[in-house]
Amino acid sequence: MPARKSAAAPSPTGEQPVVADARRELVLRLKRVEGQVRAVQRMIEEGQDCEPVAQQLAAARKALDKAFFELMACAIEHPSFSSDGEEADEARVQRLTRALARLA
């Protein structure tokens, strides 16, 4: 008989596993974006044609935008991702909504 999975315990930092996983995924996404930006820098240093450089730069920008929206979605879905837990849900959602309006 397969072993039963127990309820997920908080990570060593006290975060729920879903939040810890979201943070890990976001960091991995940002590392990929960093690699894309380094490749763009290398292309410019090598004197490559502007069109392929612009194409790669646009791809990096899109990946960074996706990371931003995933971060904001996670902050809305998981209070521990965006506050110290003391903030009321309504106040947190209003704060995040204002941040989206300002930054997006």
N, C-alpha and C. Protein backbone atom coordinates (compact mmCIF):
# COMPACT_ATOMS: atom_id res chain seq x y z
N MET A 1 0.83 -1.18 0.00
CA MET A 1 0.00 0.00 0.00
C MET A 1 0.88 1.25 0.00
N PRO A 2 0.58 2.26 -0.84
CA PRO A 2 1.40 3.46 -0.87
C PRO A 2 1.24 4.25 0.42
N ALA A 3 2.31 4.93 0.78
CA ALA A 3 2.27 5.76 1.98
C ALA A 3 1.37 6.96 1.76
N ARG A 4 0.65 7.34 2.81
CA ARG A 4 -0.21 8.51 2.71
C ARG A 4 0.62 9.76 2.84
N LYS A 5 0.25 10.74 2.07
CA LYS A 5 0.92 12.03 2.18
C LYS A 5 0.32 12.78 3.35
N SER A 6 1.18 13.31 4.18
CA SER A 6 0.69 14.11 5.29
C SER A 6 0.44 15.53 4.82
N ALA A 7 -0.28 16.28 5.63
CA ALA A 7 -0.54 17.68 5.29
C ALA A 7 0.79 18.41 5.17
N ALA A 8 0.85 19.29 4.20
CA ALA A 8 2.08 20.03 3.95
C ALA A 8 2.39 20.94 5.13
N ALA A 9 3.61 20.86 5.57
CA ALA A 9 4.05 21.69 6.70
C ALA A 9 4.69 22.96 6.17
N PRO A 10 4.70 24.00 6.99
CA PRO A 10 5.37 25.24 6.57
C PRO A 10 6.84 24.99 6.30
N SER A 11 7.42 25.83 5.44
CA SER A 11 8.84 25.73 5.13
C SER A 11 9.63 26.22 6.34
N PRO A 12 10.97 26.05 6.33
CA PRO A 12 11.79 26.53 7.44
C PRO A 12 11.62 28.02 7.72
N THR A 13 11.21 28.78 6.70
CA THR A 13 11.00 30.21 6.90
C THR A 13 9.61 30.50 7.44
N GLY A 14 8.80 29.44 7.63
CA GLY A 14 7.46 29.61 8.16
C GLY A 14 6.40 29.79 7.09
N GLU A 15 6.78 29.79 5.82
CA GLU A 15 5.83 29.97 4.72
C GLU A 15 5.13 28.65 4.41
N GLN A 16 3.92 28.76 3.91
CA GLN A 16 3.21 27.59 3.42
C GLN A 16 3.92 27.12 2.16
N PRO A 17 3.90 25.81 1.88
CA PRO A 17 4.61 25.29 0.70
C PRO A 17 4.23 25.96 -0.61
N VAL A 18 2.97 26.30 -0.79
CA VAL A 18 2.56 26.93 -2.06
C VAL A 18 3.25 28.28 -2.22
N VAL A 19 3.41 29.03 -1.15
CA VAL A 19 4.08 30.33 -1.22
C VAL A 19 5.57 30.13 -1.45
N ALA A 20 6.18 29.19 -0.74
CA ALA A 20 7.60 28.91 -0.94
C ALA A 20 7.85 28.46 -2.38
N ASP A 21 6.97 27.63 -2.93
CA ASP A 21 7.11 27.20 -4.32
C ASP A 21 6.99 28.38 -5.28
N ALA A 22 6.04 29.27 -5.00
CA ALA A 22 5.86 30.44 -5.86
C ALA A 22 7.10 31.32 -5.84
N ARG A 23 7.70 31.50 -4.67
CA ARG A 23 8.93 32.30 -4.58
C ARG A 23 10.06 31.64 -5.37
N ARG A 24 10.18 30.33 -5.24
CA ARG A 24 11.22 29.59 -5.96
C ARG A 24 11.03 29.73 -7.47
N GLU A 25 9.80 29.56 -7.92
CA GLU A 25 9.50 29.69 -9.35
C GLU A 25 9.79 31.09 -9.86
N LEU A 26 9.47 32.10 -9.07
CA LEU A 26 9.74 33.47 -9.47
C LEU A 26 11.24 33.73 -9.58
N VAL A 27 12.00 33.23 -8.63
CA VAL A 27 13.46 33.41 -8.68
C VAL A 27 14.03 32.71 -9.92
N LEU A 28 13.55 31.51 -10.21
CA LEU A 28 14.02 30.80 -11.41
C LEU A 28 13.68 31.57 -12.68
N ARG A 29 12.47 32.13 -12.73
CA ARG A 29 12.08 32.93 -13.90
C ARG A 29 13.00 34.13 -14.06
N LEU A 30 13.29 34.80 -12.95
CA LEU A 30 14.17 35.97 -13.00
C LEU A 30 15.59 35.60 -13.41
N LYS A 31 16.05 34.43 -13.02
CA LYS A 31 17.38 33.98 -13.46
C LYS A 31 17.39 33.75 -14.97
N ARG A 32 16.28 33.23 -15.51
CA ARG A 32 16.21 33.05 -16.96
C ARG A 32 16.21 34.42 -17.67
N VAL A 33 15.49 35.37 -17.11
CA VAL A 33 15.48 36.72 -17.69
C VAL A 33 16.88 37.31 -17.63
N GLU A 34 17.56 37.10 -16.52
CA GLU A 34 18.94 37.59 -16.39
C GLU A 34 19.82 37.01 -17.49
N GLY A 35 19.66 35.73 -17.77
CA GLY A 35 20.41 35.11 -18.86
C GLY A 35 20.08 35.72 -20.20
N GLN A 36 18.80 36.03 -20.42
CA GLN A 36 18.40 36.67 -21.68
C GLN A 36 19.05 38.04 -21.81
N VAL A 37 19.06 38.81 -20.74
CA VAL A 37 19.64 40.15 -20.78
C VAL A 37 21.14 40.08 -21.01
N ARG A 38 21.80 39.11 -20.39
CA ARG A 38 23.24 38.95 -20.63
C ARG A 38 23.51 38.59 -22.09
N ALA A 39 22.64 37.78 -22.67
CA ALA A 39 22.79 37.43 -24.09
C ALA A 39 22.60 38.67 -24.96
N VAL A 40 21.67 39.54 -24.61
CA VAL A 40 21.46 40.78 -25.37
C VAL A 40 22.71 41.65 -25.26
N GLN A 41 23.26 41.76 -24.06
CA GLN A 41 24.49 42.55 -23.88
C GLN A 41 25.61 42.01 -24.77
N ARG A 42 25.75 40.69 -24.79
CA ARG A 42 26.78 40.05 -25.59
C ARG A 42 26.56 40.33 -27.08
N MET A 43 25.31 40.26 -27.51
CA MET A 43 24.99 40.53 -28.91
C MET A 43 25.38 41.96 -29.28
N ILE A 44 25.10 42.90 -28.40
CA ILE A 44 25.45 44.30 -28.67
C ILE A 44 26.96 44.47 -28.71
N GLU A 45 27.65 43.86 -27.74
CA GLU A 45 29.12 43.95 -27.70
C GLU A 45 29.76 43.35 -28.95
N GLU A 46 29.14 42.32 -29.49
CA GLU A 46 29.65 41.66 -30.69
C GLU A 46 29.28 42.40 -31.97
N GLY A 47 28.46 43.44 -31.83
CA GLY A 47 28.09 44.24 -32.99
C GLY A 47 27.05 43.60 -33.89
N GLN A 48 26.22 42.76 -33.32
CA GLN A 48 25.20 42.10 -34.14
C GLN A 48 24.17 43.11 -34.63
N ASP A 49 23.48 42.72 -35.68
CA ASP A 49 22.46 43.55 -36.30
C ASP A 49 21.37 43.92 -35.29
N CYS A 50 20.80 45.11 -35.43
CA CYS A 50 19.82 45.63 -34.47
C CYS A 50 18.54 44.80 -34.39
N GLU A 51 18.07 44.28 -35.51
CA GLU A 51 16.79 43.57 -35.49
C GLU A 51 16.80 42.34 -34.58
N PRO A 52 17.78 41.43 -34.69
CA PRO A 52 17.78 40.30 -33.77
C PRO A 52 18.02 40.71 -32.31
N VAL A 53 18.79 41.77 -32.11
CA VAL A 53 19.00 42.27 -30.75
C VAL A 53 17.68 42.78 -30.19
N ALA A 54 16.95 43.55 -30.99
CA ALA A 54 15.66 44.07 -30.56
C ALA A 54 14.67 42.94 -30.27
N GLN A 55 14.72 41.91 -31.09
CA GLN A 55 13.83 40.75 -30.89
C GLN A 55 14.12 40.09 -29.55
N GLN A 56 15.39 39.90 -29.24
CA GLN A 56 15.76 39.28 -27.97
C GLN A 56 15.43 40.18 -26.78
N LEU A 57 15.62 41.47 -26.96
CA LEU A 57 15.29 42.44 -25.92
C LEU A 57 13.78 42.44 -25.65
N ALA A 58 12.98 42.36 -26.70
CA ALA A 58 11.53 42.30 -26.53
C ALA A 58 11.12 41.02 -25.81
N ALA A 59 11.78 39.91 -26.12
CA ALA A 59 11.47 38.64 -25.44
C ALA A 59 11.81 38.74 -23.95
N ALA A 60 12.93 39.37 -23.62
CA ALA A 60 13.32 39.53 -22.22
C ALA A 60 12.32 40.43 -21.50
N ARG A 61 11.89 41.50 -22.16
CA ARG A 61 10.91 42.41 -21.56
C ARG A 61 9.60 41.68 -21.29
N LYS A 62 9.16 40.86 -22.24
CA LYS A 62 7.92 40.11 -22.07
C LYS A 62 8.04 39.12 -20.90
N ALA A 63 9.19 38.47 -20.79
CA ALA A 63 9.42 37.53 -19.69
C ALA A 63 9.42 38.25 -18.34
N LEU A 64 9.99 39.44 -18.31
CA LEU A 64 10.00 40.23 -17.08
C LEU A 64 8.59 40.69 -16.73
N ASP A 65 7.82 41.09 -17.73
CA ASP A 65 6.42 41.46 -17.49
C ASP A 65 5.64 40.29 -16.92
N LYS A 66 5.87 39.10 -17.47
CA LYS A 66 5.17 37.92 -16.97
C LYS A 66 5.53 37.65 -15.52
N ALA A 67 6.80 37.82 -15.17
CA ALA A 67 7.23 37.63 -13.79
C ALA A 67 6.53 38.65 -12.88
N PHE A 68 6.41 39.89 -13.34
CA PHE A 68 5.74 40.93 -12.56
C PHE A 68 4.29 40.54 -12.28
N PHE A 69 3.56 40.12 -13.31
CA PHE A 69 2.15 39.80 -13.13
C PHE A 69 1.97 38.53 -12.29
N GLU A 70 2.87 37.57 -12.41
CA GLU A 70 2.79 36.38 -11.56
C GLU A 70 3.05 36.76 -10.10
N LEU A 71 4.00 37.67 -9.87
CA LEU A 71 4.27 38.14 -8.52
C LEU A 71 3.04 38.81 -7.94
N MET A 72 2.40 39.69 -8.69
CA MET A 72 1.23 40.40 -8.20
C MET A 72 0.07 39.44 -7.96
N ALA A 73 -0.12 38.47 -8.85
CA ALA A 73 -1.19 37.49 -8.66
C ALA A 73 -0.96 36.68 -7.38
N CYS A 74 0.27 36.29 -7.16
CA CYS A 74 0.58 35.53 -5.95
C CYS A 74 0.36 36.39 -4.71
N ALA A 75 0.72 37.66 -4.79
CA ALA A 75 0.52 38.57 -3.66
C ALA A 75 -0.95 38.73 -3.34
N ILE A 76 -1.80 38.72 -4.36
CA ILE A 76 -3.24 38.84 -4.14
C ILE A 76 -3.80 37.54 -3.57
N GLU A 77 -3.36 36.41 -4.09
CA GLU A 77 -3.89 35.11 -3.67
C GLU A 77 -3.40 34.68 -2.29
N HIS A 78 -2.19 35.05 -1.94
CA HIS A 78 -1.56 34.54 -0.71
C HIS A 78 -1.10 35.72 0.15
N PRO A 79 -1.85 36.05 1.18
CA PRO A 79 -1.50 37.20 2.02
C PRO A 79 -0.08 37.14 2.57
N SER A 80 0.43 35.97 2.88
CA SER A 80 1.78 35.89 3.46
C SER A 80 2.86 36.26 2.46
N PHE A 81 2.53 36.30 1.18
CA PHE A 81 3.50 36.66 0.15
C PHE A 81 3.73 38.15 0.11
N SER A 82 2.74 38.94 0.56
CA SER A 82 2.83 40.38 0.37
C SER A 82 2.67 41.21 1.63
N SER A 83 2.50 40.58 2.78
CA SER A 83 2.33 41.37 3.99
C SER A 83 2.81 40.58 5.19
N ASP A 84 2.83 41.22 6.32
CA ASP A 84 3.28 40.57 7.54
C ASP A 84 2.17 39.81 8.25
N GLY A 85 0.98 39.74 7.64
CA GLY A 85 -0.13 39.03 8.23
C GLY A 85 -0.99 39.89 9.13
N GLU A 86 -0.55 41.07 9.45
CA GLU A 86 -1.30 41.97 10.33
C GLU A 86 -2.32 42.79 9.53
N GLU A 87 -2.09 42.95 8.24
CA GLU A 87 -2.92 43.80 7.40
C GLU A 87 -4.25 43.11 7.08
N ALA A 88 -5.35 43.87 7.17
CA ALA A 88 -6.66 43.34 6.83
C ALA A 88 -6.70 43.02 5.33
N ASP A 89 -7.48 41.98 4.98
CA ASP A 89 -7.56 41.57 3.58
C ASP A 89 -7.98 42.71 2.66
N GLU A 90 -9.00 43.45 3.06
CA GLU A 90 -9.47 44.54 2.20
C GLU A 90 -8.39 45.60 1.99
N ALA A 91 -7.68 45.95 3.04
CA ALA A 91 -6.60 46.94 2.92
C ALA A 91 -5.48 46.43 2.03
N ARG A 92 -5.15 45.12 2.17
CA ARG A 92 -4.09 44.52 1.36
C ARG A 92 -4.48 44.53 -0.11
N VAL A 93 -5.71 44.15 -0.42
CA VAL A 93 -6.17 44.12 -1.81
C VAL A 93 -6.17 45.54 -2.39
N GLN A 94 -6.61 46.51 -1.62
CA GLN A 94 -6.60 47.89 -2.10
C GLN A 94 -5.17 48.37 -2.37
N ARG A 95 -4.26 48.04 -1.46
CA ARG A 95 -2.85 48.43 -1.64
C ARG A 95 -2.27 47.79 -2.91
N LEU A 96 -2.55 46.52 -3.11
CA LEU A 96 -2.04 45.82 -4.29
C LEU A 96 -2.69 46.33 -5.57
N THR A 97 -3.97 46.67 -5.50
CA THR A 97 -4.65 47.24 -6.66
C THR A 97 -4.03 48.57 -7.06
N ARG A 98 -3.73 49.41 -6.06
CA ARG A 98 -3.07 50.69 -6.36
C ARG A 98 -1.69 50.45 -6.96
N ALA A 99 -0.97 49.47 -6.45
CA ALA A 99 0.36 49.16 -6.99
C ALA A 99 0.25 48.71 -8.45
N LEU A 100 -0.74 47.86 -8.75
CA LEU A 100 -0.93 47.43 -10.14
C LEU A 100 -1.25 48.60 -11.05
N ALA A 101 -2.12 49.49 -10.58
CA ALA A 101 -2.49 50.66 -11.40
C ALA A 101 -1.28 51.56 -11.64
N ARG A 102 -0.44 51.67 -10.65
CA ARG A 102 0.73 52.55 -10.75
C ARG A 102 1.86 51.94 -11.57
N LEU A 103 2.05 50.64 -11.43
CA LEU A 103 3.25 50.00 -12.00
C LEU A 103 3.02 49.27 -13.32
N ALA A 104 1.79 48.88 -13.59
CA ALA A 104 1.54 48.10 -14.80
C ALA A 104 1.32 48.99 -16.01
